[in-house]
C-alpha atoms as a PDB file:
ATOM      1  CA  MET A   1     -56.635  87.486 -22.484  1.00  0.00           C
ATOM      2  CA  TYR A   2     -57.310  83.805 -22.001  1.00  0.00           C
ATOM      3  CA  PHE A   3     -55.582  81.130 -20.000  1.00  0.00           C
ATOM      4  CA  ALA A   4     -56.203  77.484 -20.839  1.00  0.00           C
ATOM      5  CA  ALA A   5     -54.760  74.257 -19.469  1.00  0.00           C
ATOM      6  CA  LEU A   6     -55.329  70.547 -19.948  1.00  0.00           C
ATOM      7  CA  LEU A   7     -54.998  68.371 -16.843  1.00  0.00           C
ATOM      8  CA  ALA A   8     -54.849  64.634 -17.504  1.00  0.00           C
ATOM      9  CA  ARG A   9     -55.243  62.257 -14.563  1.00  0.00           C
ATOM     10  CA  THR A  10     -52.766  59.412 -14.979  1.00  0.00           C
ATOM     11  CA  GLU A  11     -51.636  56.515 -12.811  1.00  0.00           C
ATOM     12  CA  ASP A  12     -48.701  58.701 -11.735  1.00  0.00           C
ATOM     13  CA  GLY A  13     -50.862  61.718 -10.862  1.00  0.00           C
ATOM     14  CA  TRP A  14     -51.888  64.800 -12.792  1.00  0.00           C
ATOM     15  CA  GLN A  15     -50.080  65.974 -15.919  1.00  0.00           C
ATOM     16  CA  ALA A  16     -50.712  69.460 -17.264  1.00  0.00           C
ATOM     17  CA  SER A  17     -50.159  71.043 -20.639  1.00  0.00           C
ATOM     18  CA  GLU A  18     -51.095  74.286 -22.307  1.00  0.00           C
ATOM     19  CA  PRO A  19     -53.341  73.588 -25.302  1.00  0.00           C
ATOM     20  CA  ASP A  20     -53.341  75.458 -28.579  1.00  0.00           C
ATOM     21  CA  LEU A  21     -56.942  76.627 -28.940  1.00  0.00           C
ATOM     22  CA  ASP A  22     -56.456  78.352 -32.305  1.00  0.00           C
ATOM     23  CA  ASP A  23     -58.203  75.576 -34.232  1.00  0.00           C
ATOM     24  CA  VAL A  24     -60.938  74.937 -31.648  1.00  0.00           C
ATOM     25  CA  GLU A  25     -64.307  76.058 -32.992  1.00  0.00           C
ATOM     26  CA  THR A  26     -66.743  73.645 -31.359  1.00  0.00           C
ATOM     27  CA  LEU A  27     -67.199  71.667 -28.160  1.00  0.00           C
ATOM     28  CA  ALA A  28     -66.384  68.527 -30.187  1.00  0.00           C
ATOM     29  CA  ASP A  29     -63.028  70.070 -31.183  1.00  0.00           C
ATOM     30  CA  LEU A  30     -62.297  70.894 -27.551  1.00  0.00           C
ATOM     31  CA  SER A  31     -63.304  67.402 -26.422  1.00  0.00           C
ATOM     32  CA  ASP A  32     -61.064  65.811 -29.067  1.00  0.00           C
ATOM     33  CA  LEU A  33     -58.164  67.995 -27.914  1.00  0.00           C
ATOM     34  CA  ALA A  34     -58.745  66.821 -24.338  1.00  0.00           C
ATOM     35  CA  ARG A  35     -58.927  63.162 -25.369  1.00  0.00           C
ATOM     36  CA  GLU A  36     -55.598  63.502 -27.178  1.00  0.00           C
ATOM     37  CA  ALA A  37     -53.998  64.726 -23.927  1.00  0.00           C
ATOM     38  CA  GLY A  38     -54.784  61.526 -22.040  1.00  0.00           C
ATOM     39  CA  ASP A  39     -54.999  57.800 -22.525  1.00  0.00           C
ATOM     40  CA  GLU A  40     -58.248  56.178 -23.644  1.00  0.00           C
ATOM     41  CA  GLU A  41     -60.113  56.045 -20.336  1.00  0.00           C
ATOM     42  CA  GLU A  42     -58.309  58.760 -18.382  1.00  0.00           C
ATOM     43  CA  THR A  43     -60.085  61.771 -16.999  1.00  0.00           C
ATOM     44  CA  VAL A  44     -58.972  64.998 -18.650  1.00  0.00           C
ATOM     45  CA  LEU A  45     -59.994  68.444 -17.449  1.00  0.00           C
ATOM     46  CA  VAL A  46     -59.877  71.543 -19.582  1.00  0.00           C
ATOM     47  CA  PHE A  47     -59.575  74.802 -17.661  1.00  0.00           C
ATOM     48  CA  ILE A  48     -60.374  78.025 -19.499  1.00  0.00           C
ATOM     49  CA  GLU A  49     -60.305  81.448 -17.890  1.00  0.00           C
ATOM     50  CA  GLN A  50     -60.805  84.928 -19.278  1.00  0.00           C
ATOM     51  CA  GLU A  51     -59.149  87.721 -17.259  1.00  0.00           C
ATOM     52  CA  ASP A  52     -61.117  87.323 -14.044  1.00  0.00           C
ATOM     53  CA  ALA A  53     -64.428  87.589 -15.944  1.00  0.00           C
ATOM     54  CA  TRP A  54     -65.333  83.891 -16.021  1.00  0.00           C
ATOM     55  CA  PHE A  55     -63.852  80.420 -15.962  1.00  0.00           C
ATOM     56  CA  GLY A  56     -64.958  77.110 -17.344  1.00  0.00           C
ATOM     57  CA  VAL A  57     -64.138  73.516 -16.477  1.00  0.00           C
ATOM     58  CA  ILE A  58     -64.780  70.800 -19.020  1.00  0.00           C
ATOM     59  CA  ARG A  59     -64.422  67.177 -17.972  1.00  0.00           C
ATOM     60  CA  VAL A  60     -63.845  64.481 -20.543  1.00  0.00           C
ATOM     61  CA  ASP A  61     -63.861  60.838 -19.456  1.00  0.00           C
ATOM     62  CA  GLY A  62     -62.928  58.601 -22.364  1.00  0.00           C
ATOM     63  CA  GLU A  63     -65.600  58.654 -25.058  1.00  0.00           C
ATOM     64  CA  GLU A  64     -68.367  59.924 -22.768  1.00  0.00           C
ATOM     65  CA  ASP A  65     -69.996  63.267 -23.476  1.00  0.00           C
ATOM     66  CA  PRO A  66     -68.115  66.143 -21.881  1.00  0.00           C
ATOM     67  CA  ARG A  67     -69.411  67.622 -18.636  1.00  0.00           C
ATOM     68  CA  ILE A  68     -69.266  71.394 -18.405  1.00  0.00           C
ATOM     69  CA  TYR A  69     -69.312  74.047 -15.697  1.00  0.00           C
ATOM     70  CA  VAL A  70     -69.132  77.790 -16.388  1.00  0.00           C
ATOM     71  CA  SER A  71     -68.729  80.324 -13.562  1.00  0.00           C
ATOM     72  CA  ASP A  72     -70.730  83.094 -15.289  1.00  0.00           C
ATOM     73  CA  ALA A  73     -72.743  82.176 -18.355  1.00  0.00           C
ATOM     74  CA  ALA A  74     -73.537  85.762 -19.366  1.00  0.00           C
ATOM     75  CA  ALA A  75     -69.864  86.757 -19.294  1.00  0.00           C
ATOM     76  CA  ALA A  76     -68.883  83.590 -21.153  1.00  0.00           C
ATOM     77  CA  ALA A  77     -71.514  84.259 -23.829  1.00  0.00           C
ATOM     78  CA  ARG A  78     -69.600  87.403 -24.792  1.00  0.00           C
ATOM     79  CA  SER A  79     -66.458  85.335 -25.379  1.00  0.00           C
ATOM     80  CA  SER A  80     -65.582  83.182 -28.371  1.00  0.00           C
ATOM     81  CA  TYR A  81     -64.383  80.312 -26.175  1.00  0.00           C
ATOM     82  CA  GLY A  82     -67.268  80.755 -23.767  1.00  0.00           C
ATOM     83  CA  GLU A  83     -69.781  80.404 -26.564  1.00  0.00           C
ATOM     84  CA  ILE A  84     -68.313  76.984 -27.333  1.00  0.00           C
ATOM     85  CA  LEU A  85     -69.161  75.810 -23.806  1.00  0.00           C
ATOM     86  CA  LEU A  86     -72.700  77.184 -23.709  1.00  0.00           C
ATOM     87  CA  THR A  87     -74.395  74.307 -25.476  1.00  0.00           C
ATOM     88  CA  ASP A  88     -78.158  73.882 -25.613  1.00  0.00           C
ATOM     89  CA  GLU A  89     -77.861  71.177 -22.964  1.00  0.00           C
ATOM     90  CA  VAL A  90     -75.933  73.427 -20.568  1.00  0.00           C
ATOM     91  CA  LEU A  91     -78.389  76.278 -21.177  1.00  0.00           C
ATOM     92  CA  GLY A  92     -81.355  73.956 -20.648  1.00  0.00           C
ATOM     93  CA  ARG A  93     -82.690  74.534 -24.153  1.00  0.00           C
ATOM     94  CA  ASP A  94     -84.522  72.044 -26.298  1.00  0.00           C
ATOM     95  CA  PRO A  95     -82.801  72.198 -29.711  1.00  0.00           C
ATOM     96  CA  GLN A  96     -86.136  71.418 -31.403  1.00  0.00           C
ATOM     97  CA  ASP A  97     -87.578  74.644 -29.936  1.00  0.00           C
ATOM     98  CA  LEU A  98     -84.819  76.576 -31.693  1.00  0.00           C
ATOM     99  CA  ASP A  99     -85.959  75.396 -35.106  1.00  0.00           C
ATOM    100  CA  ARG A 100     -88.967  77.745 -35.168  1.00  0.00           C
ATOM    101  CA  LEU A 101     -88.997  79.892 -38.252  1.00  0.00           C
ATOM    102  CA  VAL A 102     -88.813  83.665 -38.036  1.00  0.00           C
ATOM    103  CA  ASP A 103     -90.346  85.833 -40.753  1.00  0.00           C
ATOM    104  CA  LEU A 104     -88.367  88.643 -42.326  1.00  0.00           C
ATOM    105  CA  ASP A 105     -90.249  91.181 -40.175  1.00  0.00           C
ATOM    106  CA  GLY A 106     -88.810  89.489 -37.072  1.00  0.00           C
ATOM    107  CA  THR A 107     -91.996  87.722 -35.992  1.00  0.00           C
ATOM    108  CA  GLU A 108     -92.386  83.994 -35.808  1.00  0.00           C
ATOM    109  CA  ASP A 109     -94.554  82.270 -38.395  1.00  0.00           C
ATOM    110  CA  GLY A 110     -98.167  82.952 -37.545  1.00  0.00           C
ATOM    111  CA  ASP A 111     -97.444  85.806 -35.110  1.00  0.00           C
ATOM    112  CA  SER A 112     -98.551  89.316 -35.874  1.00  0.00           C
ATOM    113  CA  GLU A 113     -96.316  92.327 -35.412  1.00  0.00           C
ATOM    114  CA  ASP A 114     -98.726  93.572 -32.723  1.00  0.00           C
ATOM    115  CA  GLU A 115     -98.070  90.479 -30.606  1.00  0.00           C
ATOM    116  CA  GLU A 116     -94.333  90.930 -31.105  1.00  0.00           C
ATOM    117  CA  GLU A 117     -94.450  94.555 -29.943  1.00  0.00           C
ATOM    118  CA  GLU A 118     -96.409  93.586 -26.826  1.00  0.00           C
ATOM    119  CA  GLY A 119     -93.785  91.011 -25.922  1.00  0.00           C
ATOM    120  CA  VAL A 120     -96.281  88.173 -26.214  1.00  0.00           C
ATOM    121  CA  ALA A 121     -94.311  86.184 -28.734  1.00  0.00           C
ATOM    122  CA  GLY A 122     -90.753  85.875 -29.895  1.00  0.00           C
ATOM    123  CA  PRO A 123     -87.882  83.508 -29.502  1.00  0.00           C
ATOM    124  CA  SER A 124     -86.024  83.701 -26.204  1.00  0.00           C
ATOM    125  CA  GLU A 125     -83.061  81.540 -27.210  1.00  0.00           C
ATOM    126  CA  ASP A 126     -80.707  84.532 -27.091  1.00  0.00           C
ATOM    127  CA  HIS A 127     -81.195  84.912 -23.343  1.00  0.00           C
ATOM    128  CA  VAL A 128     -78.300  83.585 -21.297  1.00  0.00           C
ATOM    129  CA  PRO A 129     -78.586  83.686 -17.513  1.00  0.00           C
ATOM    130  CA  THR A 130     -76.087  85.540 -15.361  1.00  0.00           C
ATOM    131  CA  GLY A 131     -74.118  83.421 -12.921  1.00  0.00           C
ATOM    132  CA  PRO A 132     -72.916  79.839 -12.736  1.00  0.00           C
ATOM    133  CA  LEU A 133     -74.271  77.246 -15.103  1.00  0.00           C
ATOM    134  CA  GLY A 134     -73.639  73.590 -15.803  1.00  0.00           C
ATOM    135  CA  ASP A 135     -72.689  70.484 -13.850  1.00  0.00           C
ATOM    136  CA  THR A 136     -71.635  71.616 -10.368  1.00  0.00           C
ATOM    137  CA  ASP A 137     -70.810  68.019  -9.399  1.00  0.00           C
ATOM    138  CA  LEU A 138     -68.319  67.299 -12.182  1.00  0.00           C
ATOM    139  CA  LEU A 139     -65.387  67.357  -9.718  1.00  0.00           C
ATOM    140  CA  VAL A 140     -66.959  65.653  -6.692  1.00  0.00           C
ATOM    141  CA  ASP A 141     -65.161  62.330  -7.150  1.00  0.00           C
ATOM    142  CA  LEU A 142     -61.878  64.215  -7.661  1.00  0.00           C
ATOM    143  CA  GLY A 143     -62.021  66.137  -4.374  1.00  0.00           C
ATOM    144  CA  MET A 144     -64.146  69.269  -4.869  1.00  0.00           C
ATOM    145  CA  SER A 145     -67.803  69.489  -3.948  1.00  0.00           C
ATOM    146  CA  GLY A 146     -70.386  71.348  -5.964  1.00  0.00           C
ATOM    147  CA  LYS A 147     -70.821  73.779  -3.085  1.00  0.00           C
ATOM    148  CA  GLU A 148     -67.092  74.605  -3.119  1.00  0.00           C
ATOM    149  CA  LEU A 149     -67.159  75.092  -6.882  1.00  0.00           C
ATOM    150  CA  LEU A 150     -70.134  77.434  -6.639  1.00  0.00           C
ATOM    151  CA  ALA A 151     -68.397  79.423  -3.902  1.00  0.00           C
ATOM    152  CA  LEU A 152     -65.594  80.211  -6.373  1.00  0.00           C
ATOM    153  CA  SER A 153     -68.154  81.596  -8.816  1.00  0.00           C
ATOM    154  CA  GLY A 154     -70.332  83.680  -6.529  1.00  0.00           C
ATOM    155  CA  ASP A 155     -70.789  87.445  -6.306  1.00  0.00           C
ATOM    156  CA  GLY A 156     -67.390  88.967  -6.855  1.00  0.00           C
ATOM    157  CA  ALA A 157     -65.525  85.879  -5.642  1.00  0.00           C
ATOM    158  CA  LEU A 158     -63.785  85.361  -8.975  1.00  0.00           C
ATOM    159  CA  THR A 159     -60.301  86.699  -8.371  1.00  0.00           C
ATOM    160  CA  GLY A 160     -58.225  84.864 -10.919  1.00  0.00           C
ATOM    161  CA  GLU A 161     -57.317  82.301  -8.319  1.00  0.00           C
ATOM    162  CA  ALA A 162     -60.369  80.107  -8.892  1.00  0.00           C
ATOM    163  CA  LEU A 163     -58.581  77.656 -11.182  1.00  0.00           C
ATOM    164  CA  GLY A 164     -55.683  77.502  -8.728  1.00  0.00           C
ATOM    165  CA  GLU A 165     -58.071  76.697  -5.893  1.00  0.00           C
ATOM    166  CA  ILE A 166     -59.720  73.993  -7.968  1.00  0.00           C
ATOM    167  CA  ALA A 167     -56.338  72.501  -8.857  1.00  0.00           C
ATOM    168  CA  ASP A 168     -55.325  72.635  -5.188  1.00  0.00           C
ATOM    169  CA  ALA A 169     -58.452  70.698  -4.162  1.00  0.00           C
ATOM    170  CA  LEU A 170     -57.645  68.098  -6.817  1.00  0.00           C
ATOM    171  CA  GLY A 171     -53.991  67.813  -5.799  1.00  0.00           C
ATOM    172  CA  ALA A 172     -52.849  69.319  -9.095  1.00  0.00           C
ATOM    173  CA  SER A 173     -51.780  72.833  -8.136  1.00  0.00           C
ATOM    174  CA  ASP A 174     -48.067  72.245  -8.830  1.00  0.00           C
ATOM    175  CA  VAL A 175     -48.660  70.972 -12.365  1.00  0.00           C
ATOM    176  CA  LEU A 176     -51.129  73.756 -13.122  1.00  0.00           C
ATOM    177  CA  GLU A 177     -48.679  76.408 -11.973  1.00  0.00           C
ATOM    178  CA  ALA A 178     -46.022  74.864 -14.196  1.00  0.00           C
ATOM    179  CA  VAL A 179     -48.069  75.724 -17.302  1.00  0.00           C
ATOM    180  CA  ARG A 180     -49.370  79.069 -16.044  1.00  0.00           C
END
């Protein structure tokens, strides 16, 4: 079960809405949805949470590239919405490294099966680290430090209240609760 909310920062304060994520297939789709929730240059946050397993915060400021934070990348990787957030940039991957060809036997071009069996070669792009990943400072100017954000993600700290605590630090807890 997922919970998602859009929080748009306006001149009058925060406004929250519950987005329809049915047609969201890419980070670009999610970013466009966020931009539609606010005016041209307003900051819009997208909160996504999956049943106490992980949460993500996506920040969209006008036409700038979205900034992303995920509380547990490995848990998010097992989720359709989480996969959207785990871009090459967030994972620290060079997209050009992912273009290596793999032969039908599972080895990369030029690698022998012996090297593959020994673990010498092979693409590692499927590996996703456990734990928090992304821009820990995406909320600093809004009232939450990177250290506070990480504390909500740490060993067993995720209780389903993380998004509420973030909203509280931003002064948006009332509007978030209205859509929850």
